[in-house]
Amino acid sequence: METVLLVIHVLIAIFLIGVVLLQRSEGGALGIGGGGGGDGVMTGRGAANLLTRLTAVLAAAFFGTSIILAVLSGSHNVPTSILDQTTETTPAQPAEPAAPLSQ
């Protein structure tokens, strides 16, 4: 279960990187890259872009799988005390006496 979820998580991360790299650069607030026009993200036309929606869905799936993997990995470590562990040992048997050396 955990391995399958980890593979899905990695695939989502790869697709998320690809979708982000496919998007058009808007230059941020520095005015570089040809941005600054009237078609920004906050306008009605640019908000419903397919890549924007796909990025949001993939990001939500990435966060979801991250949280699930964190919960699953924490369930393996059950704290135990070394004092509670019992060891069953058998008493050591005495060694057989060595045979006398013949000359």
N, C-alpha and C. Protein backbone atom coordinates (compact mmCIF):
# COMPACT_ATOMS: atom_id res chain seq x y z
N MET A 1 0.83 -1.19 0.00
CA MET A 1 0.00 0.00 0.00
C MET A 1 0.87 1.25 0.00
N GLU A 2 1.85 1.25 0.88
CA GLU A 2 2.72 2.42 0.99
C GLU A 2 3.58 2.60 -0.26
N THR A 3 4.02 1.51 -0.85
CA THR A 3 4.84 1.58 -2.05
C THR A 3 4.02 2.11 -3.23
N VAL A 4 2.79 1.65 -3.36
CA VAL A 4 1.92 2.12 -4.44
C VAL A 4 1.65 3.61 -4.29
N LEU A 5 1.39 4.04 -3.07
CA LEU A 5 1.14 5.46 -2.81
C LEU A 5 2.38 6.31 -3.08
N LEU A 6 3.54 5.76 -2.77
CA LEU A 6 4.78 6.48 -3.04
C LEU A 6 5.03 6.63 -4.54
N VAL A 7 4.73 5.61 -5.31
CA VAL A 7 4.88 5.69 -6.77
C VAL A 7 3.90 6.72 -7.34
N ILE A 8 2.67 6.74 -6.86
CA ILE A 8 1.70 7.73 -7.30
C ILE A 8 2.16 9.14 -6.94
N HIS A 9 2.73 9.29 -5.75
CA HIS A 9 3.24 10.58 -5.29
C HIS A 9 4.36 11.09 -6.20
N VAL A 10 5.26 10.22 -6.59
CA VAL A 10 6.36 10.61 -7.47
C VAL A 10 5.83 10.98 -8.86
N LEU A 11 4.86 10.22 -9.37
CA LEU A 11 4.28 10.55 -10.67
C LEU A 11 3.56 11.89 -10.65
N ILE A 12 2.84 12.16 -9.57
CA ILE A 12 2.18 13.46 -9.43
C ILE A 12 3.21 14.58 -9.41
N ALA A 13 4.31 14.38 -8.71
CA ALA A 13 5.36 15.40 -8.65
C ALA A 13 5.96 15.66 -10.03
N ILE A 14 6.18 14.61 -10.81
CA ILE A 14 6.74 14.77 -12.16
C ILE A 14 5.76 15.52 -13.06
N PHE A 15 4.47 15.15 -13.00
CA PHE A 15 3.47 15.84 -13.81
C PHE A 15 3.31 17.29 -13.37
N LEU A 16 3.40 17.54 -12.07
CA LEU A 16 3.28 18.91 -11.57
C LEU A 16 4.43 19.78 -12.07
N ILE A 17 5.63 19.23 -12.08
CA ILE A 17 6.78 19.97 -12.61
C ILE A 17 6.57 20.27 -14.09
N GLY A 18 6.10 19.28 -14.84
CA GLY A 18 5.87 19.48 -16.27
C GLY A 18 4.81 20.54 -16.55
N VAL A 19 3.71 20.52 -15.79
CA VAL A 19 2.64 21.50 -16.01
C VAL A 19 3.10 22.90 -15.65
N VAL A 20 3.86 23.04 -14.59
CA VAL A 20 4.36 24.36 -14.21
C VAL A 20 5.32 24.89 -15.26
N LEU A 21 6.15 24.02 -15.82
CA LEU A 21 7.09 24.47 -16.84
C LEU A 21 6.39 24.82 -18.16
N LEU A 22 5.22 24.26 -18.42
CA LEU A 22 4.47 24.57 -19.64
C LEU A 22 3.77 25.92 -19.57
N GLN A 23 3.55 26.44 -18.39
CA GLN A 23 2.80 27.68 -18.26
C GLN A 23 3.60 28.87 -18.76
N ARG A 24 2.87 29.89 -19.19
CA ARG A 24 3.48 31.11 -19.71
C ARG A 24 4.03 31.93 -18.56
N SER A 25 5.22 32.47 -18.75
CA SER A 25 5.82 33.32 -17.73
C SER A 25 5.17 34.69 -17.77
N GLU A 26 4.83 35.20 -16.60
CA GLU A 26 4.22 36.52 -16.52
C GLU A 26 5.18 37.56 -15.96
N GLY A 27 6.40 37.18 -15.63
CA GLY A 27 7.40 38.12 -15.21
C GLY A 27 7.30 38.59 -13.77
N GLY A 28 6.31 38.20 -13.04
CA GLY A 28 6.17 38.61 -11.66
C GLY A 28 5.88 40.10 -11.55
N ALA A 29 6.32 40.71 -10.49
CA ALA A 29 6.08 42.13 -10.25
C ALA A 29 7.23 42.99 -10.73
N LEU A 30 8.21 42.43 -11.39
CA LEU A 30 9.37 43.19 -11.80
C LEU A 30 9.22 43.79 -13.18
N GLY A 31 8.20 43.41 -13.92
CA GLY A 31 7.98 43.97 -15.24
C GLY A 31 8.87 43.37 -16.30
N ILE A 32 9.45 42.21 -16.06
CA ILE A 32 10.31 41.57 -17.05
C ILE A 32 9.55 40.43 -17.70
N GLY A 33 9.97 40.03 -18.87
CA GLY A 33 9.36 38.89 -19.55
C GLY A 33 8.11 39.23 -20.31
N GLY A 34 7.83 40.48 -20.59
CA GLY A 34 6.67 40.85 -21.38
C GLY A 34 5.38 40.86 -20.61
N GLY A 35 5.43 40.78 -19.30
CA GLY A 35 4.21 40.82 -18.50
C GLY A 35 3.73 42.25 -18.32
N GLY A 36 2.76 42.43 -17.49
CA GLY A 36 2.27 43.76 -17.20
C GLY A 36 1.11 44.17 -18.07
N GLY A 37 0.66 43.31 -18.97
CA GLY A 37 -0.47 43.62 -19.82
C GLY A 37 -1.78 43.47 -19.05
N GLY A 38 -2.89 43.61 -19.76
CA GLY A 38 -4.20 43.52 -19.13
C GLY A 38 -4.70 42.11 -18.98
N ASP A 39 -3.92 41.10 -19.33
CA ASP A 39 -4.40 39.72 -19.27
C ASP A 39 -3.71 38.95 -18.14
N GLY A 40 -3.65 39.48 -16.96
CA GLY A 40 -2.99 38.84 -15.82
C GLY A 40 -3.84 37.73 -15.23
N VAL A 41 -3.36 37.17 -14.16
CA VAL A 41 -4.06 36.06 -13.50
C VAL A 41 -5.33 36.55 -12.82
N MET A 42 -5.33 37.79 -12.36
CA MET A 42 -6.48 38.29 -11.60
C MET A 42 -7.62 38.74 -12.50
N THR A 43 -7.46 38.73 -13.80
CA THR A 43 -8.56 39.11 -14.69
C THR A 43 -9.45 37.91 -14.94
N GLY A 44 -10.60 38.17 -15.51
CA GLY A 44 -11.57 37.09 -15.75
C GLY A 44 -11.12 36.13 -16.81
N ARG A 45 -10.38 36.60 -17.81
CA ARG A 45 -9.98 35.72 -18.91
C ARG A 45 -8.88 34.74 -18.50
N GLY A 46 -7.90 35.22 -17.70
CA GLY A 46 -6.75 34.38 -17.39
C GLY A 46 -6.96 33.44 -16.23
N ALA A 47 -8.04 33.61 -15.45
CA ALA A 47 -8.21 32.82 -14.23
C ALA A 47 -8.63 31.38 -14.50
N ALA A 48 -9.34 31.13 -15.58
CA ALA A 48 -9.90 29.80 -15.81
C ALA A 48 -9.08 29.02 -16.84
N ASN A 49 -7.83 29.26 -16.91
CA ASN A 49 -6.96 28.57 -17.85
C ASN A 49 -6.86 27.08 -17.49
N LEU A 50 -6.78 26.23 -18.49
CA LEU A 50 -6.70 24.79 -18.26
C LEU A 50 -5.45 24.41 -17.46
N LEU A 51 -4.31 25.02 -17.81
CA LEU A 51 -3.07 24.69 -17.09
C LEU A 51 -3.12 25.15 -15.64
N THR A 52 -3.80 26.28 -15.40
CA THR A 52 -3.93 26.77 -14.03
C THR A 52 -4.76 25.81 -13.19
N ARG A 53 -5.85 25.36 -13.77
CA ARG A 53 -6.70 24.41 -13.04
C ARG A 53 -5.98 23.07 -12.82
N LEU A 54 -5.28 22.62 -13.84
CA LEU A 54 -4.55 21.36 -13.72
C LEU A 54 -3.45 21.47 -12.66
N THR A 55 -2.80 22.63 -12.60
CA THR A 55 -1.79 22.85 -11.57
C THR A 55 -2.39 22.80 -10.18
N ALA A 56 -3.55 23.41 -10.01
CA ALA A 56 -4.21 23.40 -8.70
C ALA A 56 -4.62 21.99 -8.30
N VAL A 57 -5.13 21.21 -9.24
CA VAL A 57 -5.55 19.83 -8.93
C VAL A 57 -4.34 18.98 -8.58
N LEU A 58 -3.27 19.10 -9.36
CA LEU A 58 -2.06 18.32 -9.08
C LEU A 58 -1.42 18.74 -7.76
N ALA A 59 -1.44 20.03 -7.46
CA ALA A 59 -0.87 20.49 -6.18
C ALA A 59 -1.68 19.94 -5.01
N ALA A 60 -2.99 19.95 -5.12
CA ALA A 60 -3.83 19.39 -4.05
C ALA A 60 -3.58 17.90 -3.89
N ALA A 61 -3.44 17.18 -5.00
CA ALA A 61 -3.15 15.75 -4.92
C ALA A 61 -1.78 15.50 -4.31
N PHE A 62 -0.80 16.36 -4.65
CA PHE A 62 0.55 16.23 -4.08
C PHE A 62 0.53 16.42 -2.57
N PHE A 63 -0.19 17.46 -2.11
CA PHE A 63 -0.27 17.69 -0.67
C PHE A 63 -1.01 16.55 0.02
N GLY A 64 -2.07 16.06 -0.61
CA GLY A 64 -2.82 14.95 -0.02
C GLY A 64 -1.99 13.68 0.13
N THR A 65 -1.26 13.32 -0.94
CA THR A 65 -0.42 12.13 -0.84
C THR A 65 0.73 12.34 0.14
N SER A 66 1.22 13.57 0.25
CA SER A 66 2.28 13.85 1.22
C SER A 66 1.80 13.62 2.65
N ILE A 67 0.61 14.10 2.94
CA ILE A 67 0.06 13.94 4.29
C ILE A 67 -0.22 12.47 4.58
N ILE A 68 -0.79 11.76 3.62
CA ILE A 68 -1.09 10.33 3.82
C ILE A 68 0.20 9.54 4.03
N LEU A 69 1.24 9.83 3.25
CA LEU A 69 2.52 9.14 3.42
C LEU A 69 3.15 9.44 4.78
N ALA A 70 3.00 10.67 5.25
CA ALA A 70 3.54 11.02 6.57
C ALA A 70 2.82 10.27 7.68
N VAL A 71 1.51 10.14 7.55
CA VAL A 71 0.74 9.40 8.56
C VAL A 71 1.10 7.92 8.53
N LEU A 72 1.22 7.36 7.32
CA LEU A 72 1.55 5.94 7.21
C LEU A 72 2.96 5.64 7.72
N SER A 73 3.90 6.53 7.48
CA SER A 73 5.27 6.26 7.94
C SER A 73 5.38 6.38 9.45
N GLY A 74 4.54 7.19 10.07
CA GLY A 74 4.57 7.32 11.51
C GLY A 74 3.94 6.15 12.24
N SER A 75 3.14 5.37 11.54
CA SER A 75 2.47 4.24 12.19
C SER A 75 3.40 3.04 12.37
N HIS A 76 4.55 3.04 11.70
CA HIS A 76 5.47 1.91 11.84
C HIS A 76 6.26 1.96 13.15
N ASN A 77 6.47 3.11 13.67
CA ASN A 77 7.32 3.27 14.85
C ASN A 77 6.47 3.24 16.11
N VAL A 78 6.32 2.07 16.68
CA VAL A 78 5.61 1.93 17.94
C VAL A 78 6.65 1.98 19.04
N PRO A 79 6.58 2.98 19.92
CA PRO A 79 7.61 3.08 20.95
C PRO A 79 7.53 1.91 21.93
N THR A 80 8.64 1.29 22.16
CA THR A 80 8.72 0.19 23.11
C THR A 80 9.84 0.46 24.08
N SER A 81 9.71 -0.08 25.24
CA SER A 81 10.74 0.08 26.26
C SER A 81 11.64 -1.14 26.23
N ILE A 82 12.90 -0.91 26.43
CA ILE A 82 13.85 -2.03 26.46
C ILE A 82 13.64 -2.87 27.72
N LEU A 83 13.04 -2.28 28.73
CA LEU A 83 12.79 -3.02 29.96
C LEU A 83 11.62 -3.99 29.81
N ASP A 84 10.72 -3.71 28.86
CA ASP A 84 9.57 -4.59 28.66
C ASP A 84 9.90 -5.82 27.83
N GLN A 85 11.03 -5.82 27.17
CA GLN A 85 11.39 -6.94 26.32
C GLN A 85 11.92 -8.08 27.19
N THR A 86 11.42 -9.28 26.93
CA THR A 86 11.91 -10.45 27.66
C THR A 86 12.77 -11.26 26.73
N THR A 87 13.84 -11.72 27.27
CA THR A 87 14.72 -12.58 26.49
C THR A 87 14.74 -13.94 27.15
N GLU A 88 14.49 -14.94 26.36
CA GLU A 88 14.50 -16.31 26.86
C GLU A 88 15.84 -16.92 26.49
N THR A 89 16.66 -17.12 27.49
CA THR A 89 17.97 -17.72 27.24
C THR A 89 18.03 -19.06 27.92
N THR A 90 18.72 -19.96 27.30
CA THR A 90 18.93 -21.27 27.92
C THR A 90 20.29 -21.24 28.62
N PRO A 91 20.39 -21.89 29.74
CA PRO A 91 21.69 -21.87 30.45
C PRO A 91 22.76 -22.56 29.61
N ALA A 92 23.95 -22.07 29.74
CA ALA A 92 25.07 -22.62 28.97
C ALA A 92 25.40 -24.02 29.49
N GLN A 93 25.68 -24.94 28.58
CA GLN A 93 26.04 -26.30 28.94
C GLN A 93 27.54 -26.33 29.23
N PRO A 94 27.95 -27.10 30.22
CA PRO A 94 29.41 -27.20 30.49
C PRO A 94 30.13 -27.89 29.34
N ALA A 95 31.33 -27.46 29.12
CA ALA A 95 32.11 -28.02 28.02
C ALA A 95 32.51 -29.45 28.34
N GLU A 96 32.62 -30.26 27.31
CA GLU A 96 33.06 -31.64 27.48
C GLU A 96 34.54 -31.63 27.84
N PRO A 97 34.95 -32.51 28.76
CA PRO A 97 36.37 -32.53 29.10
C PRO A 97 37.19 -33.02 27.90
N ALA A 98 38.33 -32.42 27.73
CA ALA A 98 39.18 -32.78 26.60
C ALA A 98 39.80 -34.16 26.84
N ALA A 99 39.93 -34.90 25.76
CA ALA A 99 40.55 -36.22 25.86
C ALA A 99 42.05 -36.07 26.08
N PRO A 100 42.64 -36.96 26.88
CA PRO A 100 44.09 -36.85 27.11
C PRO A 100 44.85 -37.11 25.82
N LEU A 101 45.93 -36.40 25.66
CA LEU A 101 46.76 -36.56 24.47
C LEU A 101 47.58 -37.83 24.59
N SER A 102 47.60 -38.63 23.56
CA SER A 102 48.41 -39.85 23.59
C SER A 102 49.77 -39.54 22.98
N GLN A 103 50.78 -40.19 23.57
CA GLN A 103 52.14 -39.93 23.08
C GLN A 103 52.70 -41.08 22.37
